[in-house]
Amino acid sequence: GVEELVLLEKLLGLPKGSKYGVRGERKVPVLQTNNGPGLTGIMTIAAYLVKQAKKEQLLGSTAEEKAIVQQWLEYRVTQVDVSSSKEDTRIILKDLNIHLEDKVYLAGNIFTLADILMYYGLHHVMVELTVQEKENYLNVSRWFNHIQHYPGVRQHLSNVVFIKNRLYTNAH
């Protein structure tokens, strides 16, 4: 949560110095603003940071893109962040793999906040996958590899290695 927001701040080129805290058992991020009680929740804070950086295009341009970005941010919070079992993870990767079949990014052809936060949310999962598992989710692997090489996204996170050529072919 908080670590991702710090990465996002840096990616957006915002000055350091935001005051983050966490609230509750689930350690929900809280951003202390100068006025008011502060902002709660990774998606709320992330959208706020994007607006602060004047990079609203990351939230989508059209009404439909905005809705799709919102949809994937919600998916991140309601599915990815609460997944605890191998089975949960398998379902998430399968969902994403199907969705990304004919898309470069989660919202279609534009890079958005959804891609950034989904990348951060899945990084620990992708690091653990075997080569065979990555091949089972080729669309997710392609998307993830693309996002990790997007300027400024990965930062200090480890590079996840993907094999460029297919390990197994049907040739005998």
C-alpha atoms as a PDB file:
ATOM      1  CA  GLY A   1       0.000   0.000   0.000  1.00  0.00           C
ATOM      2  CA  VAL A   2       2.141   2.848   1.282  1.00  0.00           C
ATOM      3  CA  GLU A   3       5.277   1.641  -0.534  1.00  0.00           C
ATOM      4  CA  GLU A   4       3.375   1.574  -3.839  1.00  0.00           C
ATOM      5  CA  LEU A   5       2.134   5.114  -3.278  1.00  0.00           C
ATOM      6  CA  VAL A   6       5.708   6.282  -2.712  1.00  0.00           C
ATOM      7  CA  LEU A   7       6.730   4.550  -5.987  1.00  0.00           C
ATOM      8  CA  LEU A   8       3.767   6.160  -7.753  1.00  0.00           C
ATOM      9  CA  GLU A   9       4.714   9.597  -6.401  1.00  0.00           C
ATOM     10  CA  LYS A  10       8.217   9.197  -7.787  1.00  0.00           C
ATOM     11  CA  LEU A  11       6.919   7.896 -11.142  1.00  0.00           C
ATOM     12  CA  LEU A  12       4.618  10.920 -11.401  1.00  0.00           C
ATOM     13  CA  GLY A  13       7.501  13.273 -10.631  1.00  0.00           C
ATOM     14  CA  LEU A  14       5.874  14.633  -7.487  1.00  0.00           C
ATOM     15  CA  PRO A  15       8.072  16.093  -4.754  1.00  0.00           C
ATOM     16  CA  LYS A  16       8.681  13.774  -1.816  1.00  0.00           C
ATOM     17  CA  GLY A  17       7.290  14.595   1.551  1.00  0.00           C
ATOM     18  CA  SER A  18       3.748  13.275   1.594  1.00  0.00           C
ATOM     19  CA  LYS A  19       2.795  12.046   5.043  1.00  0.00           C
ATOM     20  CA  TYR A  20       1.486   8.491   4.873  1.00  0.00           C
ATOM     21  CA  GLY A  21       0.131   6.349   7.621  1.00  0.00           C
ATOM     22  CA  VAL A  22      -1.923   3.195   7.869  1.00  0.00           C
ATOM     23  CA  ARG A  23      -5.250   2.550   9.504  1.00  0.00           C
ATOM     24  CA  GLY A  24      -6.847  -0.608  10.857  1.00  0.00           C
ATOM     25  CA  GLU A  25      -5.911  -4.266  10.799  1.00  0.00           C
ATOM     26  CA  ARG A  26      -5.699  -4.362   7.011  1.00  0.00           C
ATOM     27  CA  LYS A  27      -3.182  -1.501   7.105  1.00  0.00           C
ATOM     28  CA  VAL A  28      -5.190   0.706   4.736  1.00  0.00           C
ATOM     29  CA  PRO A  29      -2.989   3.602   3.551  1.00  0.00           C
ATOM     30  CA  VAL A  30      -3.878   7.090   4.713  1.00  0.00           C
ATOM     31  CA  LEU A  31      -2.485  10.315   3.229  1.00  0.00           C
ATOM     32  CA  GLN A  32      -2.446  13.307   5.536  1.00  0.00           C
ATOM     33  CA  THR A  33      -3.309  16.393   3.513  1.00  0.00           C
ATOM     34  CA  ASN A  34      -2.887  19.942   4.761  1.00  0.00           C
ATOM     35  CA  ASN A  35      -6.597  20.459   5.084  1.00  0.00           C
ATOM     36  CA  GLY A  36      -9.121  17.983   6.374  1.00  0.00           C
ATOM     37  CA  PRO A  37      -9.041  14.519   7.857  1.00  0.00           C
ATOM     38  CA  GLY A  38      -6.815  12.975   5.192  1.00  0.00           C
ATOM     39  CA  LEU A  39      -7.481  10.575   2.348  1.00  0.00           C
ATOM     40  CA  THR A  40      -7.975   6.855   2.910  1.00  0.00           C
ATOM     41  CA  GLY A  41      -7.443   3.925   0.545  1.00  0.00           C
ATOM     42  CA  ILE A  42      -4.871   3.202  -2.110  1.00  0.00           C
ATOM     43  CA  MET A  43      -7.161   4.011  -5.069  1.00  0.00           C
ATOM     44  CA  THR A  44      -8.404   7.295  -3.627  1.00  0.00           C
ATOM     45  CA  ILE A  45      -4.874   8.428  -2.807  1.00  0.00           C
ATOM     46  CA  ALA A  46      -3.478   7.226  -6.159  1.00  0.00           C
ATOM     47  CA  ALA A  47      -6.141   9.150  -8.114  1.00  0.00           C
ATOM     48  CA  TYR A  48      -5.413  12.224  -5.973  1.00  0.00           C
ATOM     49  CA  LEU A  49      -1.660  11.947  -6.702  1.00  0.00           C
ATOM     50  CA  VAL A  50      -2.334  11.623 -10.446  1.00  0.00           C
ATOM     51  CA  LYS A  51      -4.412  14.818 -10.329  1.00  0.00           C
ATOM     52  CA  GLN A  52      -1.745  16.593  -8.247  1.00  0.00           C
ATOM     53  CA  ALA A  53       0.803  15.689 -10.936  1.00  0.00           C
ATOM     54  CA  LYS A  54      -1.579  16.968 -13.631  1.00  0.00           C
ATOM     55  CA  LYS A  55      -1.450  13.617 -15.424  1.00  0.00           C
ATOM     56  CA  GLU A  56      -5.197  12.996 -15.597  1.00  0.00           C
ATOM     57  CA  GLN A  57      -4.746  11.039 -18.832  1.00  0.00           C
ATOM     58  CA  LEU A  58      -3.619   8.164 -16.566  1.00  0.00           C
ATOM     59  CA  LEU A  59      -7.220   7.990 -15.329  1.00  0.00           C
ATOM     60  CA  GLY A  60      -8.543   7.604 -18.903  1.00  0.00           C
ATOM     61  CA  SER A  61      -9.638  10.154 -21.515  1.00  0.00           C
ATOM     62  CA  THR A  62     -13.133   9.080 -22.503  1.00  0.00           C
ATOM     63  CA  ALA A  63     -15.991   8.184 -20.168  1.00  0.00           C
ATOM     64  CA  GLU A  64     -15.543   4.538 -21.159  1.00  0.00           C
ATOM     65  CA  GLU A  65     -11.768   4.539 -20.521  1.00  0.00           C
ATOM     66  CA  LYS A  66     -12.330   6.188 -17.137  1.00  0.00           C
ATOM     67  CA  ALA A  67     -14.861   3.506 -16.228  1.00  0.00           C
ATOM     68  CA  ILE A  68     -12.505   0.716 -17.346  1.00  0.00           C
ATOM     69  CA  VAL A  69      -9.616   2.203 -15.338  1.00  0.00           C
ATOM     70  CA  GLN A  70     -11.921   2.437 -12.310  1.00  0.00           C
ATOM     71  CA  GLN A  71     -13.061  -1.138 -12.859  1.00  0.00           C
ATOM     72  CA  TRP A  72      -9.481  -2.463 -12.806  1.00  0.00           C
ATOM     73  CA  LEU A  73      -8.558  -0.360  -9.782  1.00  0.00           C
ATOM     74  CA  GLU A  74     -11.552  -1.861  -7.966  1.00  0.00           C
ATOM     75  CA  TYR A  75     -10.518  -5.334  -9.120  1.00  0.00           C
ATOM     76  CA  ARG A  76      -7.060  -4.698  -7.715  1.00  0.00           C
ATOM     77  CA  VAL A  77      -8.478  -3.798  -4.281  1.00  0.00           C
ATOM     78  CA  THR A  78     -11.308  -6.341  -4.104  1.00  0.00           C
ATOM     79  CA  GLN A  79      -9.558  -9.340  -5.716  1.00  0.00           C
ATOM     80  CA  VAL A  80      -5.774  -8.997  -5.922  1.00  0.00           C
ATOM     81  CA  ASP A  81      -5.191  -7.363  -2.531  1.00  0.00           C
ATOM     82  CA  VAL A  82      -7.307  -9.906  -0.667  1.00  0.00           C
ATOM     83  CA  SER A  83      -6.178 -13.034  -2.520  1.00  0.00           C
ATOM     84  CA  SER A  84      -4.510 -15.389  -0.127  1.00  0.00           C
ATOM     85  CA  SER A  85      -4.439 -18.823  -1.726  1.00  0.00           C
ATOM     86  CA  LYS A  86      -2.761 -20.302  -4.798  1.00  0.00           C
ATOM     87  CA  GLU A  87      -6.279 -20.862  -6.145  1.00  0.00           C
ATOM     88  CA  ASP A  88      -7.189 -17.154  -5.742  1.00  0.00           C
ATOM     89  CA  THR A  89      -4.001 -16.212  -7.582  1.00  0.00           C
ATOM     90  CA  ARG A  90      -4.696 -18.725 -10.362  1.00  0.00           C
ATOM     91  CA  ILE A  91      -8.191 -17.270 -10.899  1.00  0.00           C
ATOM     92  CA  ILE A  92      -6.835 -13.699 -11.001  1.00  0.00           C
ATOM     93  CA  LEU A  93      -4.123 -14.598 -13.518  1.00  0.00           C
ATOM     94  CA  LYS A  94      -6.665 -16.509 -15.624  1.00  0.00           C
ATOM     95  CA  ASP A  95      -9.084 -13.519 -15.607  1.00  0.00           C
ATOM     96  CA  LEU A  96      -6.307 -11.121 -16.572  1.00  0.00           C
ATOM     97  CA  ASN A  97      -4.953 -13.479 -19.236  1.00  0.00           C
ATOM     98  CA  ILE A  98      -8.350 -13.626 -20.943  1.00  0.00           C
ATOM     99  CA  HIS A  99      -8.849  -9.859 -20.669  1.00  0.00           C
ATOM    100  CA  LEU A 100      -5.402  -9.075 -22.104  1.00  0.00           C
ATOM    101  CA  GLU A 101      -5.771 -11.458 -25.042  1.00  0.00           C
ATOM    102  CA  ASP A 102      -6.415  -8.637 -27.526  1.00  0.00           C
ATOM    103  CA  LYS A 103      -5.154  -5.645 -25.537  1.00  0.00           C
ATOM    104  CA  VAL A 104      -1.804  -3.983 -24.904  1.00  0.00           C
ATOM    105  CA  TYR A 105      -2.952  -2.400 -21.622  1.00  0.00           C
ATOM    106  CA  LEU A 106      -5.764  -3.071 -19.167  1.00  0.00           C
ATOM    107  CA  ALA A 107      -7.824  -0.172 -20.585  1.00  0.00           C
ATOM    108  CA  GLY A 108      -7.132  -1.153 -24.201  1.00  0.00           C
ATOM    109  CA  ASN A 109      -4.520   0.863 -26.050  1.00  0.00           C
ATOM    110  CA  ILE A 110      -3.593   3.412 -23.401  1.00  0.00           C
ATOM    111  CA  PHE A 111      -1.261   3.139 -20.433  1.00  0.00           C
ATOM    112  CA  THR A 112      -3.161   4.074 -17.266  1.00  0.00           C
ATOM    113  CA  LEU A 113      -3.045   4.084 -13.490  1.00  0.00           C
ATOM    114  CA  ALA A 114      -4.720   0.650 -13.643  1.00  0.00           C
ATOM    115  CA  ASP A 115      -1.614  -0.795 -15.337  1.00  0.00           C
ATOM    116  CA  ILE A 116       0.725   0.814 -12.814  1.00  0.00           C
ATOM    117  CA  LEU A 117      -1.135  -0.323  -9.705  1.00  0.00           C
ATOM    118  CA  MET A 118      -1.937  -3.785 -11.083  1.00  0.00           C
ATOM    119  CA  TYR A 119       1.777  -4.178 -11.876  1.00  0.00           C
ATOM    120  CA  TYR A 120       2.707  -3.211  -8.304  1.00  0.00           C
ATOM    121  CA  GLY A 121      -0.012  -5.467  -6.910  1.00  0.00           C
ATOM    122  CA  LEU A 122       1.096  -8.493  -8.941  1.00  0.00           C
ATOM    123  CA  HIS A 123       4.867  -8.016  -8.735  1.00  0.00           C
ATOM    124  CA  HIS A 124       5.274 -10.359  -5.747  1.00  0.00           C
ATOM    125  CA  VAL A 125       3.162 -12.990  -7.556  1.00  0.00           C
ATOM    126  CA  MET A 126       5.050 -12.801 -10.865  1.00  0.00           C
ATOM    127  CA  VAL A 127       8.427 -13.037  -9.123  1.00  0.00           C
ATOM    128  CA  GLU A 128       7.397 -16.432  -7.711  1.00  0.00           C
ATOM    129  CA  LEU A 129       6.023 -17.986 -10.916  1.00  0.00           C
ATOM    130  CA  THR A 130       7.962 -20.737 -12.669  1.00  0.00           C
ATOM    131  CA  VAL A 131       8.768 -20.475 -16.378  1.00  0.00           C
ATOM    132  CA  GLN A 132       5.964 -22.970 -17.121  1.00  0.00           C
ATOM    133  CA  GLU A 133       3.471 -20.961 -15.057  1.00  0.00           C
ATOM    134  CA  LYS A 134       4.440 -17.768 -16.894  1.00  0.00           C
ATOM    135  CA  GLU A 135       3.849 -19.610 -20.176  1.00  0.00           C
ATOM    136  CA  ASN A 136       0.362 -20.626 -18.986  1.00  0.00           C
ATOM    137  CA  TYR A 137      -0.435 -16.929 -18.722  1.00  0.00           C
ATOM    138  CA  LEU A 138       1.294 -15.647 -21.865  1.00  0.00           C
ATOM    139  CA  ASN A 139      -0.874 -12.519 -22.174  1.00  0.00           C
ATOM    140  CA  VAL A 140      -0.279 -11.570 -18.526  1.00  0.00           C
ATOM    141  CA  SER A 141       3.449 -12.247 -18.957  1.00  0.00           C
ATOM    142  CA  ARG A 142       3.600 -10.114 -22.118  1.00  0.00           C
ATOM    143  CA  TRP A 143       1.694  -7.277 -20.406  1.00  0.00           C
ATOM    144  CA  PHE A 144       3.720  -7.505 -17.178  1.00  0.00           C
ATOM    145  CA  ASN A 145       7.041  -7.505 -19.038  1.00  0.00           C
ATOM    146  CA  HIS A 146       5.895  -4.489 -21.079  1.00  0.00           C
ATOM    147  CA  ILE A 147       4.826  -2.556 -17.958  1.00  0.00           C
ATOM    148  CA  GLN A 148       8.015  -3.335 -16.021  1.00  0.00           C
ATOM    149  CA  HIS A 149      10.013  -1.803 -18.879  1.00  0.00           C
ATOM    150  CA  TYR A 150       7.774   1.264 -19.094  1.00  0.00           C
ATOM    151  CA  PRO A 151       9.950   4.263 -18.132  1.00  0.00           C
ATOM    152  CA  GLY A 152       9.923   4.874 -14.395  1.00  0.00           C
ATOM    153  CA  VAL A 153       7.510   2.120 -13.361  1.00  0.00           C
ATOM    154  CA  ARG A 154       9.745  -0.642 -11.963  1.00  0.00           C
ATOM    155  CA  GLN A 155      12.181   1.583 -10.005  1.00  0.00           C
ATOM    156  CA  HIS A 156      13.874  -0.551  -7.307  1.00  0.00           C
ATOM    157  CA  LEU A 157      11.587  -3.586  -7.741  1.00  0.00           C
ATOM    158  CA  SER A 158      13.306  -6.684  -9.068  1.00  0.00           C
ATOM    159  CA  ASN A 159      13.184  -7.339 -12.800  1.00  0.00           C
ATOM    160  CA  VAL A 160      11.036 -10.393 -13.532  1.00  0.00           C
ATOM    161  CA  VAL A 161      12.694 -12.491 -16.234  1.00  0.00           C
ATOM    162  CA  PHE A 162      10.667 -13.948 -19.075  1.00  0.00           C
ATOM    163  CA  ILE A 163      12.083 -16.425 -21.566  1.00  0.00           C
ATOM    164  CA  LYS A 164      11.909 -14.883 -25.030  1.00  0.00           C
ATOM    165  CA  ASN A 165      11.608 -18.115 -27.029  1.00  0.00           C
ATOM    166  CA  ARG A 166       9.075 -20.824 -26.393  1.00  0.00           C
ATOM    167  CA  LEU A 167      10.533 -23.627 -24.320  1.00  0.00           C
ATOM    168  CA  TYR A 168       8.178 -26.255 -25.598  1.00  0.00           C
ATOM    169  CA  THR A 169       7.106 -26.608 -29.191  1.00  0.00           C
ATOM    170  CA  ASN A 170       5.048 -29.282 -30.838  1.00  0.00           C
ATOM    171  CA  ALA A 171       8.000 -30.306 -33.005  1.00  0.00           C
ATOM    172  CA  HIS A 172       9.544 -33.686 -32.153  1.00  0.00           C
END
